[in-house]
Amino acid sequence: MKPTPVMSQYLRLKQQAGEAILFFRMGDFYEMFMEDAVEAAALLDLTLTSRDKQAADPVPMAGVPWHSAGPHIAKLLKAGRRVALCEQIERPGTRGLMDREIVEILTPGTAVGEELLDGSRSLYLAALALERGVWGLAVADISTGEFALGECGAEGLGAELAKQGPREILLAAAIADHPAVREHLRDHPEAVATRLDDWAFSASRGRRLLEEHFGVATLEPFGVGAYGPALAAGGALLAYAREQRRSPLAHLKPPRRLRDADSLWIDETTLRNLEVLEPAPGRGGQSLLGVLDATRTAMGQRALRRALGRPLMDPAAIRARHAAVEALIEAPEPREALRRDLRGIADLERIVGRLHCGRARPQELGRLRDALLIVPRLAETARDLAQRGGFPPAPETGGAVALGAELDRALADASQLAAGEALIRPGYDAQLDEQRALGEEGDRWVAEFQERERRDT
């Protein structure tokens, strides 16, 4: 039986999506068909129905509402599946078949949506490469732009992977069955392995991709220029993440070294036994992180977790941190002012990440504006503390303040952003105001025409 035009479109897009479950936008629903519908219905506890029920071979079908798809997608990613989001790219009411395209492919290690992330933890994507007995490891949190490279021997690979805790690991087919890889995947079932072609893991290709991405002639200033397999892993990770996110990932930060001379490397077993980040199961106690965490922002939670997992070794840096803590203890009023203002700071790292990936919602722009408007008060308090001694100098905030003021002039009120009523404030852009007026005039004409027709018939 010949497929309908919309099913022909679905089949073409499903071919592009590959193994990913295709969420095919139809009006206010994401629909899934055929094998995707059967698999998603089982994983998400959805009702499995069918298209063309009277046909000899009806097509299995399942769907979820577009506005509440987040939890369903999160459940699929947690189960190790990939999800391709296919959106309607024409306005409703278009005559004929509506054009659609895949706008992003969500994988367990590349999700950036707020509802798909735990604000207190980084979501790591990792890549592995092996060359002459040396393992190269690249780790990135696509939602924040954090990026790191490192190399180690076979004996250190498991400990390094366990400490980073990647949700998804990219590797070449040639090393997919390596004992070290199999052992990690066995001990950490939450990690998903994604196999790529061997050619994707080339040190020369990786070096070129990274140099081009960061706009540098050499990677030496970042301390990673001498790496070999780590650059192969880094290039593979960068190319993969760009493809899945459909984004150039301009927010990705220059790579740091996974193991640097300024911090102490503690393996995952020691962190677990000392209950630094997680409490021991079954004891009902708290971890060191749980005792210390009085942070006011998601960014602060993640920073504290990183700091405890990589304690400082440089005496000067340790003394500077102690001096800053002492300055806060001895100045209760500025300290409380900081804590009060920090409550209004949204997760800027991840909002910026979503902006770069083209996935930020209007209300997130509002939260960005509201946070930047608080920056002058934070900077004033920081300057006060620095003048008292011991607290580091306040950073330059001119750019953030200017951007906050511009967003405040441009964006609609928070209630309008949340309701989807408006994004840009009237009076900010004359051309936009003119287009709005034309649209409102057209709506009035149509309403008046309909009223006349009702009266006359």
Protein backbone atom coordinates (compact mmCIF):
# COMPACT_ATOMS: atom_id res chain seq x y z
CA MET A 1 0.00 0.00 0.00
CA LYS A 2 1.36 3.39 -0.99
CA PRO A 3 2.12 5.61 2.06
CA THR A 4 0.29 8.90 2.47
CA PRO A 5 2.27 12.13 1.90
CA VAL A 6 2.70 12.69 5.64
CA MET A 7 3.92 9.10 6.16
CA SER A 8 6.34 9.49 3.25
CA GLN A 9 7.68 12.60 4.99
CA TYR A 10 7.94 10.67 8.27
CA LEU A 11 9.85 7.81 6.63
CA ARG A 12 12.32 10.25 5.05
CA LEU A 13 12.96 11.96 8.38
CA LYS A 14 13.15 8.65 10.22
CA GLN A 15 15.95 7.63 7.87
CA GLN A 16 17.81 10.79 8.92
CA ALA A 17 17.18 10.06 12.61
CA GLY A 18 18.69 6.58 12.39
CA GLU A 19 18.47 4.70 15.71
CA ALA A 20 16.99 7.71 17.54
CA ILE A 21 13.30 7.62 18.43
CA LEU A 22 11.69 10.22 16.19
CA PHE A 23 9.32 12.66 17.92
CA PHE A 24 7.32 13.80 14.89
CA ARG A 25 5.46 17.06 15.55
CA MET A 26 1.82 17.02 14.46
CA GLY A 27 -0.10 19.98 15.85
CA ASP A 28 0.05 19.90 19.65
CA PHE A 29 1.53 16.39 19.84
CA TYR A 30 4.76 14.58 19.16
CA GLU A 31 3.75 11.38 17.39
CA MET A 32 5.79 8.19 17.03
CA PHE A 33 5.12 5.47 14.50
CA MET A 34 6.09 1.87 13.72
CA GLU A 35 8.98 0.43 15.79
CA ASP A 36 9.53 3.77 17.55
CA ALA A 37 5.92 3.76 18.77
CA VAL A 38 6.16 0.19 20.06
CA GLU A 39 9.43 0.88 21.92
CA ALA A 40 8.35 4.26 23.33
CA ALA A 41 4.96 2.92 24.46
CA ALA A 42 6.69 0.20 26.48
CA LEU A 43 9.29 2.54 28.03
CA LEU A 44 6.92 5.42 28.74
CA ASP A 45 3.78 3.42 29.60
CA LEU A 46 1.85 5.03 26.73
CA THR A 47 -1.25 3.71 25.04
CA LEU A 48 -0.26 2.06 21.76
CA THR A 49 -2.81 2.73 19.07
CA SER A 50 -2.60 2.59 15.28
CA ARG A 51 -2.99 4.75 12.22
CA ASP A 52 -5.52 3.57 9.60
CA LYS A 53 -7.12 1.05 11.95
CA GLN A 54 -9.23 -0.40 9.13
CA ALA A 55 -6.18 -1.18 6.98
CA ALA A 56 -4.96 -4.75 6.59
CA ASP A 57 -1.63 -3.79 8.20
CA PRO A 58 -2.27 -0.79 10.51
CA VAL A 59 0.71 1.37 11.51
CA PRO A 60 1.49 1.35 15.28
CA MET A 61 1.25 4.84 16.75
CA ALA A 62 1.83 6.57 20.11
CA GLY A 63 2.10 10.20 21.12
CA VAL A 64 2.78 12.70 23.89
CA PRO A 65 1.59 16.32 24.22
CA TRP A 66 4.14 18.78 22.87
CA HIS A 67 3.99 21.08 25.91
CA SER A 68 4.73 18.25 28.37
CA ALA A 69 7.19 16.18 26.37
CA GLY A 70 10.16 16.99 28.65
CA PRO A 71 9.62 14.29 31.30
CA HIS A 72 9.01 11.67 28.60
CA ILE A 73 12.23 12.63 26.80
CA ALA A 74 14.14 12.60 30.10
CA LYS A 75 12.89 9.06 30.79
CA LEU A 76 14.00 7.87 27.35
CA LEU A 77 17.45 9.43 27.78
CA LYS A 78 17.78 7.85 31.22
CA ALA A 79 17.01 4.51 29.58
CA GLY A 80 19.93 5.13 27.19
CA ARG A 81 17.85 5.99 24.12
CA ARG A 82 18.34 8.87 21.69
CA VAL A 83 15.51 11.19 20.69
CA ALA A 84 15.24 13.15 17.43
CA LEU A 85 12.95 16.18 17.66
CA CYS A 86 11.17 16.94 14.40
CA GLU A 87 9.38 20.29 14.31
CA GLN A 88 6.90 21.98 11.99
CA ILE A 89 8.79 24.84 10.40
CA GLU A 90 5.79 26.49 8.76
CA ARG A 91 2.92 28.31 10.42
CA PRO A 92 -0.25 26.28 11.09
CA GLY A 93 -2.81 26.77 8.35
CA THR A 94 -0.30 26.29 5.54
CA ARG A 95 -1.97 24.70 2.54
CA GLY A 96 -0.83 21.20 1.65
CA LEU A 97 1.76 19.16 3.51
CA MET A 98 3.45 21.16 6.25
CA ASP A 99 7.24 21.26 6.00
CA ARG A 100 9.09 19.59 8.88
CA GLU A 101 12.71 19.03 9.81
CA ILE A 102 14.79 17.52 12.60
CA VAL A 103 15.99 20.43 14.76
CA GLU A 104 18.08 18.46 17.27
CA ILE A 105 19.01 14.96 18.31
CA LEU A 106 19.06 14.47 22.08
CA THR A 107 21.46 11.89 23.44
CA PRO A 108 22.17 10.90 27.07
CA GLY A 109 25.32 13.06 27.08
CA THR A 110 24.27 16.10 25.02
CA ALA A 111 20.96 17.22 26.55
CA VAL A 112 20.73 20.93 27.43
CA GLY A 113 17.02 21.41 28.25
CA GLU A 114 16.29 22.60 31.77
CA GLU A 115 13.82 19.77 32.40
CA LEU A 116 16.41 17.20 31.29
CA LEU A 117 19.17 18.24 33.71
CA ASP A 118 19.98 18.08 37.41
CA GLY A 119 21.00 21.62 38.34
CA SER A 120 23.40 20.43 41.06
CA ARG A 121 25.44 18.15 38.80
CA SER A 122 27.33 18.39 35.54
CA LEU A 123 26.19 16.18 32.66
CA TYR A 124 29.31 14.82 31.03
CA LEU A 125 29.84 13.51 27.53
CA ALA A 126 33.15 11.67 27.15
CA ALA A 127 35.22 10.33 24.27
CA LEU A 128 38.02 7.74 24.35
CA ALA A 129 40.92 7.11 21.98
CA LEU A 130 43.77 4.60 22.26
CA GLU A 131 47.18 4.96 20.66
CA ARG A 132 50.23 2.81 21.47
CA GLY A 133 48.99 1.91 24.92
CA VAL A 134 48.07 5.50 25.87
CA TRP A 135 44.44 6.36 26.46
CA GLY A 136 43.14 9.78 25.48
CA LEU A 137 40.08 11.09 27.30
CA ALA A 138 37.95 14.12 26.46
CA VAL A 139 35.12 15.24 28.75
CA ALA A 140 32.60 18.03 28.17
CA ASP A 141 29.41 19.35 29.70
CA ILE A 142 27.62 20.68 26.62
CA SER A 143 25.06 22.48 28.78
CA THR A 144 27.69 24.73 30.40
CA GLY A 145 30.64 24.64 27.96
CA GLU A 146 33.05 22.94 30.40
CA PHE A 147 35.72 21.00 28.43
CA ALA A 148 38.76 19.01 29.56
CA LEU A 149 41.37 16.67 28.04
CA GLY A 150 43.72 14.13 29.57
CA GLU A 151 45.84 11.06 28.94
CA CYS A 152 46.64 8.03 31.07
CA GLY A 153 47.70 4.40 30.94
CA ALA A 154 45.34 1.44 30.97
CA GLU A 155 45.67 1.15 34.75
CA GLY A 156 44.31 4.67 35.27
CA LEU A 157 41.49 4.70 32.72
CA GLY A 158 38.83 3.12 34.90
CA ALA A 159 39.54 5.47 37.81
CA GLU A 160 39.47 8.54 35.54
CA LEU A 161 36.17 7.52 33.93
CA ALA A 162 34.63 6.68 37.30
CA LYS A 163 35.62 10.05 38.72
CA GLN A 164 34.22 12.03 35.77
CA GLY A 165 31.04 9.92 35.64
CA PRO A 166 30.14 10.50 31.97
CA ARG A 167 26.57 9.68 30.96
CA GLU A 168 27.63 8.88 27.40
CA ILE A 169 30.98 7.60 26.12
CA LEU A 170 32.05 7.94 22.48
CA LEU A 171 34.52 5.35 21.23
CA ALA A 172 35.80 3.81 18.05
CA ALA A 173 34.45 0.42 17.07
CA ALA A 174 38.01 -0.95 17.29
CA ILE A 175 38.18 -0.39 21.07
CA ALA A 176 34.53 -0.96 21.98
CA ASP A 177 35.32 -4.43 23.31
CA HIS A 178 38.51 -3.50 25.13
CA PRO A 179 38.51 -5.05 28.65
CA ALA A 180 38.93 -1.64 30.34
CA VAL A 181 35.89 -0.28 28.51
CA ARG A 182 33.78 -3.36 29.19
CA GLU A 183 34.70 -3.27 32.87
CA HIS A 184 33.65 0.38 33.26
CA LEU A 185 30.35 -0.15 31.45
CA ARG A 186 29.65 -3.21 33.60
CA ASP A 187 30.32 -1.32 36.85
CA HIS A 188 28.50 1.83 35.72
CA PRO A 189 25.33 0.71 33.91
CA GLU A 190 24.08 4.33 33.79
CA ALA A 191 26.78 5.09 31.17
CA VAL A 192 25.86 4.56 27.52
CA ALA A 193 28.47 3.64 24.89
CA THR A 194 28.13 5.22 21.44
CA ARG A 195 30.26 3.72 18.68
CA LEU A 196 31.66 5.98 15.97
CA ASP A 197 33.70 5.21 12.88
CA ASP A 198 37.41 4.68 13.51
CA TRP A 199 38.36 7.60 11.23
CA ALA A 200 36.62 10.03 13.63
CA PHE A 201 39.43 9.42 16.16
CA SER A 202 42.47 10.93 14.46
CA ALA A 203 44.95 13.07 16.42
CA SER A 204 45.70 15.28 13.42
CA ARG A 205 42.01 15.77 12.67
CA GLY A 206 41.30 16.46 16.33
CA ARG A 207 44.07 19.05 16.56
CA ARG A 208 42.79 20.81 13.43
CA LEU A 209 39.16 20.83 14.63
CA LEU A 210 40.09 22.19 18.05
CA GLU A 211 42.42 24.88 16.67
CA GLU A 212 39.74 26.01 14.22
CA HIS A 213 37.02 25.98 16.88
CA PHE A 214 38.97 28.12 19.35
CA GLY A 215 40.54 30.31 16.66
CA VAL A 216 44.16 29.62 17.61
CA ALA A 217 47.28 28.62 15.71
CA THR A 218 48.35 26.21 18.45
CA LEU A 219 46.84 24.53 21.51
CA GLU A 220 50.01 25.08 23.58
CA PRO A 221 48.61 28.02 25.62
CA PHE A 222 45.91 25.67 26.95
CA GLY A 223 48.50 23.14 28.11
CA VAL A 224 47.23 20.38 25.82
CA GLY A 225 49.33 20.93 22.70
CA ALA A 226 51.62 17.97 23.38
CA TYR A 227 48.75 15.50 23.66
CA GLY A 228 48.13 12.85 21.01
CA PRO A 229 45.19 10.49 21.66
CA ALA A 230 43.52 13.11 23.87
CA LEU A 231 43.27 15.41 20.85
CA ALA A 232 41.81 12.55 18.83
CA ALA A 233 39.17 12.10 21.53
CA GLY A 234 38.57 15.85 21.77
CA GLY A 235 38.05 16.25 18.04
CA ALA A 236 35.64 13.31 17.92
CA LEU A 237 33.66 14.73 20.84
CA LEU A 238 33.48 18.20 19.30
CA ALA A 239 32.31 16.93 15.89
CA TYR A 240 29.73 14.59 17.44
CA ALA A 241 28.28 17.22 19.77
CA ARG A 242 28.04 19.78 16.96
CA GLU A 243 26.17 17.29 14.78
CA GLN A 244 23.72 16.22 17.49
CA ARG A 245 23.03 19.72 18.76
CA ARG A 246 22.85 21.27 15.26
CA SER A 247 24.99 24.06 16.72
CA PRO A 248 28.56 25.39 16.35
CA LEU A 249 28.87 25.24 20.18
CA ALA A 250 30.47 28.68 20.38
CA HIS A 251 30.06 28.59 24.19
CA LEU A 252 32.50 25.67 24.57
CA LYS A 253 35.39 26.85 26.76
CA PRO A 254 39.06 26.24 25.87
CA PRO A 255 40.14 22.83 27.16
CA ARG A 256 41.76 22.48 30.55
CA ARG A 257 43.86 19.51 31.64
CA LEU A 258 41.97 16.82 33.54
CA ARG A 259 44.90 16.53 35.92
CA ASP A 260 46.67 19.82 36.63
CA ALA A 261 49.52 20.61 38.98
CA ASP A 262 47.43 22.95 41.14
CA SER A 263 44.93 20.38 42.40
CA LEU A 264 45.09 16.98 44.06
CA TRP A 265 43.82 14.06 42.01
CA ILE A 266 41.60 11.80 44.14
CA ASP A 267 40.28 8.59 42.65
CA GLU A 268 36.62 7.66 42.76
CA THR A 269 37.13 4.86 45.31
CA THR A 270 38.73 7.24 47.82
CA LEU A 271 36.03 9.86 47.26
CA ARG A 272 33.41 7.20 47.89
CA ASN A 273 35.06 5.70 50.98
CA LEU A 274 35.58 9.15 52.52
CA GLU A 275 31.99 10.12 51.61
CA VAL A 276 33.22 13.36 50.06
CA LEU A 277 30.49 13.75 47.43
CA GLU A 278 27.96 11.03 48.22
CA PRO A 279 26.95 9.42 51.53
CA ALA A 280 27.66 5.73 51.95
CA PRO A 281 24.57 3.71 51.00
CA GLY A 282 22.63 2.25 53.88
CA ARG A 283 24.17 4.39 56.62
CA GLY A 284 21.70 7.25 56.55
CA GLY A 285 24.45 9.85 56.97
CA GLN A 286 25.55 12.89 55.00
CA SER A 287 28.47 13.43 52.68
CA LEU A 288 30.99 16.23 53.16
CA LEU A 289 29.30 17.99 50.25
CA GLY A 290 25.92 17.68 51.95
CA VAL A 291 27.28 19.21 55.17
CA LEU A 292 29.00 22.13 53.44
CA ASP A 293 26.46 22.93 50.74
CA ALA A 294 24.78 26.19 51.70
CA THR A 295 25.04 27.53 48.14
CA ARG A 296 22.32 29.74 46.72
CA THR A 297 22.63 28.92 43.01
CA ALA A 298 22.90 25.84 40.81
CA MET A 299 26.22 27.18 39.50
CA GLY A 300 27.49 27.35 43.07
CA GLN A 301 26.41 23.77 43.75
CA ARG A 302 28.34 22.49 40.75
CA ALA A 303 31.39 24.62 41.59
CA LEU A 304 31.47 23.30 45.17
CA ARG A 305 31.21 19.71 43.93
CA ARG A 306 34.15 20.29 41.56
CA ALA A 307 36.22 21.99 44.28
CA LEU A 308 35.74 19.11 46.72
CA GLY A 309 36.59 16.57 44.04
CA ARG A 310 39.79 18.45 43.09
CA PRO A 311 41.23 20.00 46.29
CA LEU A 312 43.80 22.78 45.85
CA MET A 313 47.51 21.97 46.27
CA ASP A 314 49.04 25.39 45.63
CA PRO A 315 49.73 27.00 49.07
CA ALA A 316 49.15 30.52 47.75
CA ALA A 317 45.76 29.57 46.31
CA ILE A 318 44.79 27.82 49.57
CA ARG A 319 45.77 30.87 51.64
CA ALA A 320 43.80 33.17 49.31
CA ARG A 321 40.70 30.98 49.68
CA HIS A 322 41.05 30.93 53.48
CA ALA A 323 41.44 34.72 53.51
CA ALA A 324 38.26 35.14 51.47
CA VAL A 325 36.32 32.85 53.83
CA GLU A 326 37.66 34.76 56.84
CA ALA A 327 36.64 38.07 55.26
CA LEU A 328 33.08 36.78 54.84
CA ILE A 329 32.92 35.46 58.40
CA GLU A 330 34.05 38.80 59.82
CA ALA A 331 31.58 40.85 57.74
CA PRO A 332 28.09 39.44 58.44
CA GLU A 333 26.14 42.27 56.79
CA PRO A 334 27.89 42.11 53.37
CA ARG A 335 27.83 38.30 53.61
CA GLU A 336 24.07 38.25 54.09
CA ALA A 337 23.66 40.81 51.31
CA LEU A 338 25.55 38.48 48.96
CA ARG A 339 23.45 35.49 49.99
CA ARG A 340 20.23 37.46 49.57
CA ASP A 341 21.15 38.72 46.10
CA LEU A 342 22.48 35.36 44.94
CA ARG A 343 19.02 33.84 45.46
CA GLY A 344 17.87 35.84 42.44
CA ILE A 345 20.62 34.54 40.14
CA ALA A 346 19.42 31.93 37.65
CA ASP A 347 21.62 29.19 36.20
CA LEU A 348 23.41 31.56 33.81
CA GLU A 349 25.88 28.95 32.57
CA ARG A 350 23.11 26.73 31.27
CA ILE A 351 20.93 29.57 29.99
CA VAL A 352 23.89 30.81 27.91
CA GLY A 353 24.48 27.23 26.74
CA ARG A 354 20.87 26.93 25.59
CA LEU A 355 21.08 30.30 23.85
CA HIS A 356 24.10 29.11 21.88
CA CYS A 357 22.28 25.87 21.02
CA GLY A 358 19.16 27.77 19.95
CA ARG A 359 17.01 26.10 22.64
CA ALA A 360 16.41 28.90 25.16
CA ARG A 361 12.80 29.80 25.97
CA PRO A 362 11.56 33.42 26.25
CA GLN A 363 11.21 33.21 30.04
CA GLU A 364 14.88 32.18 30.27
CA LEU A 365 15.82 35.44 28.60
CA GLY A 366 13.79 37.11 31.32
CA ARG A 367 15.70 35.22 34.01
CA LEU A 368 18.97 36.23 32.35
CA ARG A 369 17.84 39.88 32.40
CA ASP A 370 16.76 39.67 36.04
CA ALA A 371 20.10 38.13 37.06
CA LEU A 372 22.16 40.73 35.21
CA LEU A 373 20.19 43.53 36.86
CA ILE A 374 21.40 42.17 40.22
CA VAL A 375 25.07 42.26 39.14
CA PRO A 376 25.68 45.92 40.16
CA ARG A 377 24.60 45.12 43.73
CA LEU A 378 26.81 42.02 43.84
CA ALA A 379 29.77 44.01 42.50
CA GLU A 380 29.24 46.79 45.07
CA THR A 381 29.19 44.26 47.93
CA ALA A 382 32.30 42.54 46.56
CA ARG A 383 34.13 45.89 46.40
CA ASP A 384 33.13 46.58 49.99
CA LEU A 385 34.53 43.23 51.11
CA ALA A 386 37.74 43.72 49.11
CA GLN A 387 38.33 47.11 50.78
CA ARG A 388 38.06 45.43 54.19
CA GLY A 389 40.90 43.10 53.15
CA GLY A 390 41.22 39.42 52.33
CA PHE A 391 38.47 39.27 49.71
CA PRO A 392 39.54 39.12 46.03
CA PRO A 393 39.00 42.25 43.89
CA ALA A 394 35.62 42.47 42.20
CA PRO A 395 35.78 41.51 38.50
CA GLU A 396 34.94 43.97 35.74
CA THR A 397 31.16 44.00 35.30
CA GLY A 398 30.61 46.73 32.71
CA GLY A 399 29.63 44.33 29.93
CA ALA A 400 27.18 42.42 32.12
CA VAL A 401 25.58 45.62 33.41
CA ALA A 402 25.20 47.03 29.88
CA LEU A 403 23.66 43.78 28.61
CA GLY A 404 21.25 43.69 31.56
CA ALA A 405 20.12 47.24 30.86
CA GLU A 406 19.63 46.49 27.16
CA LEU A 407 17.59 43.36 27.90
CA ASP A 408 15.51 45.34 30.38
CA ARG A 409 14.69 47.88 27.67
CA ALA A 410 13.97 45.21 25.07
CA LEU A 411 12.16 42.35 26.82
CA ALA A 412 8.52 42.23 27.81
CA ASP A 413 7.50 41.77 31.43
CA ALA A 414 8.07 38.39 33.08
CA SER A 415 4.34 37.55 33.07
CA GLN A 416 4.09 38.21 29.31
CA LEU A 417 7.20 36.10 28.64
CA ALA A 418 5.83 33.20 30.70
CA ALA A 419 2.45 33.34 28.98
CA GLY A 420 3.98 33.61 25.51
CA GLU A 421 2.10 36.85 24.90
CA ALA A 422 5.12 38.90 23.84
CA LEU A 423 8.89 38.77 23.70
CA ILE A 424 9.88 42.34 22.78
CA ARG A 425 8.48 45.31 24.67
CA PRO A 426 6.38 47.77 22.61
CA GLY A 427 8.36 50.90 21.75
CA TYR A 428 11.74 49.13 21.58
CA ASP A 429 11.79 48.62 17.80
CA ALA A 430 9.80 50.86 15.45
CA GLN A 431 9.71 48.34 12.59
CA LEU A 432 8.40 45.59 14.89
CA ASP A 433 5.77 47.97 16.29
CA GLU A 434 4.65 48.70 12.73
CA GLN A 435 4.31 45.00 11.91
CA ARG A 436 2.35 44.42 15.11
CA ALA A 437 0.00 47.26 14.27
CA LEU A 438 -0.58 45.82 10.79
CA GLY A 439 -1.32 42.41 12.29
CA GLU A 440 -3.75 43.83 14.85
CA GLU A 441 -5.47 45.88 12.13
CA GLY A 442 -5.82 42.76 10.00
CA ASP A 443 -7.30 40.83 12.91
CA ARG A 444 -9.80 43.63 13.52
CA TRP A 445 -10.80 43.69 9.84
CA VAL A 446 -11.38 39.93 9.82
CA ALA A 447 -13.43 40.11 13.03
CA GLU A 448 -15.56 42.96 11.63
CA PHE A 449 -16.03 41.12 8.33
CA GLN A 450 -17.18 37.98 10.14
CA GLU A 451 -19.62 40.01 12.24
CA ARG A 452 -21.10 41.66 9.11
CA GLU A 453 -21.51 38.28 7.40
CA ARG A 454 -23.30 36.87 10.46
CA ARG A 455 -25.69 39.84 10.51
CA ASP A 456 -26.42 39.63 6.79
CA THR A 457 -27.08 35.86 6.62
